């Protein structure tokens, strides 16, 4: 998974705190930080190098693959979208998610469609700061811990308390994954 996560400096936490090369912030990271602040959500953004795999990314960050949460953009048959937050060591369970959402068809859109739906390129996608406020579904296995996720720009990861994140996003928390 290219640009999955990485390492950087350490921050002090706090709402919108970041470390690393602040002069290269980019619009996506700025949207991410502004949305987190507006929601009162404490995030720590760290600069990091690209990683060639999820395992490498986790090693760089000093965490397990399970602590890296993928923000997947999922398309409804009707053309609307949702976010699915899935731990890195697990995969989306289409039957579970379809049942929870109450539909018979969901899919992962092409990269250009995901960009149009969120304002983020693949590898940077996050519900925080998305250009559209789509519903969020989080896998129950992310609860109760600090996670890493995309921060809206390549070369950055965000650390956040999963319970605070799901609360701030008003996410539906449920079993929507299977072991990878």
C-alpha atoms as a PDB file:
ATOM      1  CA  UNK A   1       0.000   0.000   0.000  1.00  0.00           C
ATOM      2  CA  UNK A   2       1.944   2.998  -1.208  1.00  0.00           C
ATOM      3  CA  UNK A   3       1.893   6.035   1.024  1.00  0.00           C
ATOM      4  CA  UNK A   4      -0.035   4.040   3.606  1.00  0.00           C
ATOM      5  CA  UNK A   5       1.459   5.678   6.663  1.00  0.00           C
ATOM      6  CA  UNK A   6       4.828   6.664   7.973  1.00  0.00           C
ATOM      7  CA  UNK A   7       6.935   8.306  10.604  1.00  0.00           C
ATOM      8  CA  UNK A   8       7.794  11.847  11.375  1.00  0.00           C
ATOM      9  CA  UNK A   9       8.361  14.112  14.292  1.00  0.00           C
ATOM     10  CA  UNK A  10       6.333  13.882  17.414  1.00  0.00           C
ATOM     11  CA  UNK A  11       3.810  16.473  18.407  1.00  0.00           C
ATOM     12  CA  UNK A  12       2.212  17.497  21.606  1.00  0.00           C
ATOM     13  CA  UNK A  13      -1.286  16.485  20.609  1.00  0.00           C
ATOM     14  CA  UNK A  14      -4.095  18.958  20.922  1.00  0.00           C
ATOM     15  CA  UNK A  15      -6.680  20.116  18.472  1.00  0.00           C
ATOM     16  CA  UNK A  16      -5.097  20.515  15.074  1.00  0.00           C
ATOM     17  CA  UNK A  17      -1.538  19.948  16.261  1.00  0.00           C
ATOM     18  CA  UNK A  18       0.921  18.912  13.596  1.00  0.00           C
ATOM     19  CA  UNK A  19       4.639  18.381  13.256  1.00  0.00           C
ATOM     20  CA  UNK A  20       7.046  18.255  10.385  1.00  0.00           C
ATOM     21  CA  UNK A  21       7.298  20.619   7.427  1.00  0.00           C
ATOM     22  CA  UNK A  22       4.395  22.944   8.131  1.00  0.00           C
ATOM     23  CA  UNK A  23       5.210  25.170   5.159  1.00  0.00           C
ATOM     24  CA  UNK A  24       4.096  22.412   2.748  1.00  0.00           C
ATOM     25  CA  UNK A  25       0.644  21.972   4.271  1.00  0.00           C
ATOM     26  CA  UNK A  26      -1.541  21.659   1.164  1.00  0.00           C
ATOM     27  CA  UNK A  27      -5.264  22.285   0.883  1.00  0.00           C
ATOM     28  CA  UNK A  28      -6.288  18.742   1.866  1.00  0.00           C
ATOM     29  CA  UNK A  29      -4.345  18.753   5.109  1.00  0.00           C
ATOM     30  CA  UNK A  30      -5.635  22.242   5.897  1.00  0.00           C
ATOM     31  CA  UNK A  31      -9.242  21.053   5.381  1.00  0.00           C
ATOM     32  CA  UNK A  32      -8.539  18.031   7.587  1.00  0.00           C
ATOM     33  CA  UNK A  33      -7.149  20.171  10.416  1.00  0.00           C
ATOM     34  CA  UNK A  34      -9.907  22.792  10.144  1.00  0.00           C
ATOM     35  CA  UNK A  35     -12.638  20.144  10.307  1.00  0.00           C
ATOM     36  CA  UNK A  36     -10.995  18.404  13.272  1.00  0.00           C
ATOM     37  CA  UNK A  37     -10.775  21.741  15.091  1.00  0.00           C
ATOM     38  CA  UNK A  38     -14.387  22.641  14.278  1.00  0.00           C
ATOM     39  CA  UNK A  39     -15.481  19.308  15.777  1.00  0.00           C
ATOM     40  CA  UNK A  40     -13.303  19.792  18.878  1.00  0.00           C
ATOM     41  CA  UNK A  41     -11.351  16.676  17.908  1.00  0.00           C
ATOM     42  CA  UNK A  42      -7.754  16.368  19.056  1.00  0.00           C
ATOM     43  CA  UNK A  43      -5.496  15.057  16.298  1.00  0.00           C
ATOM     44  CA  UNK A  44      -1.748  14.769  15.922  1.00  0.00           C
ATOM     45  CA  UNK A  45      -0.492  15.018  12.352  1.00  0.00           C
ATOM     46  CA  UNK A  46       2.997  13.742  11.590  1.00  0.00           C
ATOM     47  CA  UNK A  47       5.060  14.054   8.444  1.00  0.00           C
ATOM     48  CA  UNK A  48       6.215  10.721   7.075  1.00  0.00           C
ATOM     49  CA  UNK A  49       7.830   9.051   4.084  1.00  0.00           C
ATOM     50  CA  UNK A  50       5.866   6.889   1.676  1.00  0.00           C
ATOM     51  CA  UNK A  51       5.638   3.197   2.556  1.00  0.00           C
ATOM     52  CA  UNK A  52       5.476   0.283   0.128  1.00  0.00           C
ATOM     53  CA  UNK A  53       3.189  -1.835   2.306  1.00  0.00           C
ATOM     54  CA  UNK A  54       0.887  -1.597   5.267  1.00  0.00           C
ATOM     55  CA  UNK A  55       3.374  -3.578   7.357  1.00  0.00           C
ATOM     56  CA  UNK A  56       6.195  -1.186   6.442  1.00  0.00           C
ATOM     57  CA  UNK A  57       3.980   1.791   7.263  1.00  0.00           C
ATOM     58  CA  UNK A  58       3.076   0.342  10.652  1.00  0.00           C
ATOM     59  CA  UNK A  59       6.748  -0.312  11.385  1.00  0.00           C
ATOM     60  CA  UNK A  60       7.697   3.257  10.504  1.00  0.00           C
ATOM     61  CA  UNK A  61       4.984   4.574  12.814  1.00  0.00           C
ATOM     62  CA  UNK A  62       5.802   2.111  15.593  1.00  0.00           C
ATOM     63  CA  UNK A  63       2.283   0.672  15.636  1.00  0.00           C
ATOM     64  CA  UNK A  64       0.567  -2.503  14.448  1.00  0.00           C
ATOM     65  CA  UNK A  65      -1.201  -2.779  11.070  1.00  0.00           C
ATOM     66  CA  UNK A  66      -4.484  -3.007  13.001  1.00  0.00           C
ATOM     67  CA  UNK A  67      -3.911   0.529  14.298  1.00  0.00           C
ATOM     68  CA  UNK A  68      -3.803   1.991  10.777  1.00  0.00           C
ATOM     69  CA  UNK A  69      -7.390   2.655   9.740  1.00  0.00           C
ATOM     70  CA  UNK A  70      -8.250   2.828   6.052  1.00  0.00           C
ATOM     71  CA  UNK A  71     -10.904   5.378   5.075  1.00  0.00           C
ATOM     72  CA  UNK A  72     -12.676   3.736   2.154  1.00  0.00           C
ATOM     73  CA  UNK A  73     -15.105   5.624  -0.065  1.00  0.00           C
ATOM     74  CA  UNK A  74     -18.022   3.355  -0.947  1.00  0.00           C
ATOM     75  CA  UNK A  75     -20.536   4.113  -3.691  1.00  0.00           C
ATOM     76  CA  UNK A  76     -24.253   3.342  -3.445  1.00  0.00           C
ATOM     77  CA  UNK A  77     -26.175   2.145  -6.469  1.00  0.00           C
ATOM     78  CA  UNK A  78     -28.093   5.470  -6.318  1.00  0.00           C
ATOM     79  CA  UNK A  79     -24.857   7.436  -6.826  1.00  0.00           C
ATOM     80  CA  UNK A  80     -24.389   8.628  -3.242  1.00  0.00           C
ATOM     81  CA  UNK A  81     -21.406   7.625  -1.097  1.00  0.00           C
ATOM     82  CA  UNK A  82     -20.379   6.643   2.413  1.00  0.00           C
ATOM     83  CA  UNK A  83     -17.120   6.235   4.282  1.00  0.00           C
ATOM     84  CA  UNK A  84     -16.127   2.873   5.753  1.00  0.00           C
ATOM     85  CA  UNK A  85     -13.363   2.963   8.378  1.00  0.00           C
ATOM     86  CA  UNK A  86     -11.585  -0.409   8.342  1.00  0.00           C
ATOM     87  CA  UNK A  87      -8.500  -1.485  10.345  1.00  0.00           C
ATOM     88  CA  UNK A  88      -5.437  -2.211   8.222  1.00  0.00           C
ATOM     89  CA  UNK A  89      -5.313  -5.885   9.161  1.00  0.00           C
ATOM     90  CA  UNK A  90      -8.915  -6.441   8.099  1.00  0.00           C
ATOM     91  CA  UNK A  91     -10.970  -6.119   4.926  1.00  0.00           C
ATOM     92  CA  UNK A  92     -14.407  -4.712   4.295  1.00  0.00           C
ATOM     93  CA  UNK A  93     -17.197  -7.290   4.555  1.00  0.00           C
ATOM     94  CA  UNK A  94     -19.533  -6.418   1.711  1.00  0.00           C
ATOM     95  CA  UNK A  95     -22.411  -8.592   2.983  1.00  0.00           C
ATOM     96  CA  UNK A  96     -22.219  -7.061   6.476  1.00  0.00           C
ATOM     97  CA  UNK A  97     -22.021  -3.484   5.184  1.00  0.00           C
ATOM     98  CA  UNK A  98     -24.824  -3.984   2.632  1.00  0.00           C
ATOM     99  CA  UNK A  99     -27.035  -5.479   5.348  1.00  0.00           C
ATOM    100  CA  UNK A 100     -26.294  -2.607   7.741  1.00  0.00           C
ATOM    101  CA  UNK A 101     -26.930   0.069   5.101  1.00  0.00           C
ATOM    102  CA  UNK A 102     -30.013  -1.786   3.818  1.00  0.00           C
ATOM    103  CA  UNK A 103     -28.995  -2.035   0.177  1.00  0.00           C
ATOM    104  CA  UNK A 104     -28.124  -4.868  -2.180  1.00  0.00           C
ATOM    105  CA  UNK A 105     -25.297  -3.148  -4.076  1.00  0.00           C
ATOM    106  CA  UNK A 106     -22.256  -1.178  -2.923  1.00  0.00           C
ATOM    107  CA  UNK A 107     -18.902  -0.760  -4.671  1.00  0.00           C
ATOM    108  CA  UNK A 108     -15.510   0.927  -4.491  1.00  0.00           C
ATOM    109  CA  UNK A 109     -15.466   3.710  -7.093  1.00  0.00           C
ATOM    110  CA  UNK A 110     -12.547   4.446  -9.412  1.00  0.00           C
ATOM    111  CA  UNK A 111      -9.931   6.870  -8.067  1.00  0.00           C
ATOM    112  CA  UNK A 112     -11.259   9.862 -10.037  1.00  0.00           C
ATOM    113  CA  UNK A 113     -14.790   9.310  -8.726  1.00  0.00           C
ATOM    114  CA  UNK A 114     -13.496   9.011  -5.138  1.00  0.00           C
ATOM    115  CA  UNK A 115     -11.603  12.294  -5.635  1.00  0.00           C
ATOM    116  CA  UNK A 116     -14.752  14.026  -6.920  1.00  0.00           C
ATOM    117  CA  UNK A 117     -16.775  12.621  -3.997  1.00  0.00           C
ATOM    118  CA  UNK A 118     -14.337  13.653  -1.246  1.00  0.00           C
ATOM    119  CA  UNK A 119     -11.810  16.154  -2.567  1.00  0.00           C
ATOM    120  CA  UNK A 120      -9.048  13.710  -1.579  1.00  0.00           C
ATOM    121  CA  UNK A 121      -6.780  11.488  -3.668  1.00  0.00           C
ATOM    122  CA  UNK A 122      -6.500   7.812  -2.788  1.00  0.00           C
ATOM    123  CA  UNK A 123      -3.977   7.362  -0.023  1.00  0.00           C
ATOM    124  CA  UNK A 124      -5.083  10.634   1.626  1.00  0.00           C
ATOM    125  CA  UNK A 125      -8.840  10.035   2.030  1.00  0.00           C
ATOM    126  CA  UNK A 126     -10.468  10.813   5.343  1.00  0.00           C
ATOM    127  CA  UNK A 127     -13.991  11.816   6.359  1.00  0.00           C
ATOM    128  CA  UNK A 128     -12.504  14.855   8.135  1.00  0.00           C
ATOM    129  CA  UNK A 129     -12.440  17.763   5.716  1.00  0.00           C
ATOM    130  CA  UNK A 130     -14.150  15.882   2.903  1.00  0.00           C
ATOM    131  CA  UNK A 131     -15.737  18.235   0.393  1.00  0.00           C
ATOM    132  CA  UNK A 132     -18.984  16.281   0.929  1.00  0.00           C
ATOM    133  CA  UNK A 133     -20.316  15.149   4.274  1.00  0.00           C
ATOM    134  CA  UNK A 134     -21.097  11.483   3.604  1.00  0.00           C
ATOM    135  CA  UNK A 135     -22.298   9.072   6.316  1.00  0.00           C
ATOM    136  CA  UNK A 136     -19.519   7.255   8.175  1.00  0.00           C
ATOM    137  CA  UNK A 137     -19.535   3.566   9.148  1.00  0.00           C
ATOM    138  CA  UNK A 138     -16.696   2.432  11.408  1.00  0.00           C
ATOM    139  CA  UNK A 139     -15.733  -1.142  12.113  1.00  0.00           C
ATOM    140  CA  UNK A 140     -16.281  -2.010  15.775  1.00  0.00           C
ATOM    141  CA  UNK A 141     -12.720  -3.327  16.120  1.00  0.00           C
ATOM    142  CA  UNK A 142     -11.255   0.204  15.995  1.00  0.00           C
ATOM    143  CA  UNK A 143     -12.895   1.277  19.246  1.00  0.00           C
ATOM    144  CA  UNK A 144     -11.029   1.858  22.481  1.00  0.00           C
ATOM    145  CA  UNK A 145      -7.642   2.771  21.061  1.00  0.00           C
ATOM    146  CA  UNK A 146      -5.504   5.393  19.371  1.00  0.00           C
ATOM    147  CA  UNK A 147      -5.432   4.948  15.606  1.00  0.00           C
ATOM    148  CA  UNK A 148      -3.569   6.346  12.628  1.00  0.00           C
ATOM    149  CA  UNK A 149      -5.402   7.474   9.506  1.00  0.00           C
ATOM    150  CA  UNK A 150      -4.975   9.617   6.415  1.00  0.00           C
ATOM    151  CA  UNK A 151      -4.571  13.324   7.070  1.00  0.00           C
ATOM    152  CA  UNK A 152      -5.721  14.685   3.720  1.00  0.00           C
ATOM    153  CA  UNK A 153      -2.304  14.933   2.043  1.00  0.00           C
ATOM    154  CA  UNK A 154       0.389  12.556   0.866  1.00  0.00           C
ATOM    155  CA  UNK A 155       3.286  12.346   3.313  1.00  0.00           C
ATOM    156  CA  UNK A 156       1.204  12.851   6.464  1.00  0.00           C
ATOM    157  CA  UNK A 157      -0.594  10.603   8.944  1.00  0.00           C
ATOM    158  CA  UNK A 158      -2.939  11.592  11.726  1.00  0.00           C
ATOM    159  CA  UNK A 159      -3.203   9.996  15.139  1.00  0.00           C
ATOM    160  CA  UNK A 160      -6.547  10.251  16.906  1.00  0.00           C
ATOM    161  CA  UNK A 161      -8.568   8.526  19.606  1.00  0.00           C
ATOM    162  CA  UNK A 162     -10.936   6.218  17.717  1.00  0.00           C
ATOM    163  CA  UNK A 163     -13.835   6.739  20.124  1.00  0.00           C
ATOM    164  CA  UNK A 164     -13.522  10.519  19.921  1.00  0.00           C
ATOM    165  CA  UNK A 165     -13.342  10.259  16.114  1.00  0.00           C
ATOM    166  CA  UNK A 166     -16.442   8.102  15.750  1.00  0.00           C
ATOM    167  CA  UNK A 167     -18.309  10.365  18.150  1.00  0.00           C
ATOM    168  CA  UNK A 168     -17.273  13.547  16.345  1.00  0.00           C
ATOM    169  CA  UNK A 169     -18.274  12.040  12.993  1.00  0.00           C
ATOM    170  CA  UNK A 170     -21.513  10.566  14.381  1.00  0.00           C
ATOM    171  CA  UNK A 171     -20.365   7.313  12.826  1.00  0.00           C
ATOM    172  CA  UNK A 172     -22.340   4.110  12.915  1.00  0.00           C
ATOM    173  CA  UNK A 173     -20.054   1.674  14.737  1.00  0.00           C
ATOM    174  CA  UNK A 174     -20.690  -1.962  13.796  1.00  0.00           C
ATOM    175  CA  UNK A 175     -19.082  -5.202  12.622  1.00  0.00           C
ATOM    176  CA  UNK A 176     -18.381  -4.402   8.957  1.00  0.00           C
ATOM    177  CA  UNK A 177     -15.097  -6.238   8.401  1.00  0.00           C
ATOM    178  CA  UNK A 178     -13.531  -9.680   8.169  1.00  0.00           C
ATOM    179  CA  UNK A 179      -9.945 -10.772   8.807  1.00  0.00           C
ATOM    180  CA  UNK A 180      -7.732 -10.036   5.795  1.00  0.00           C
END
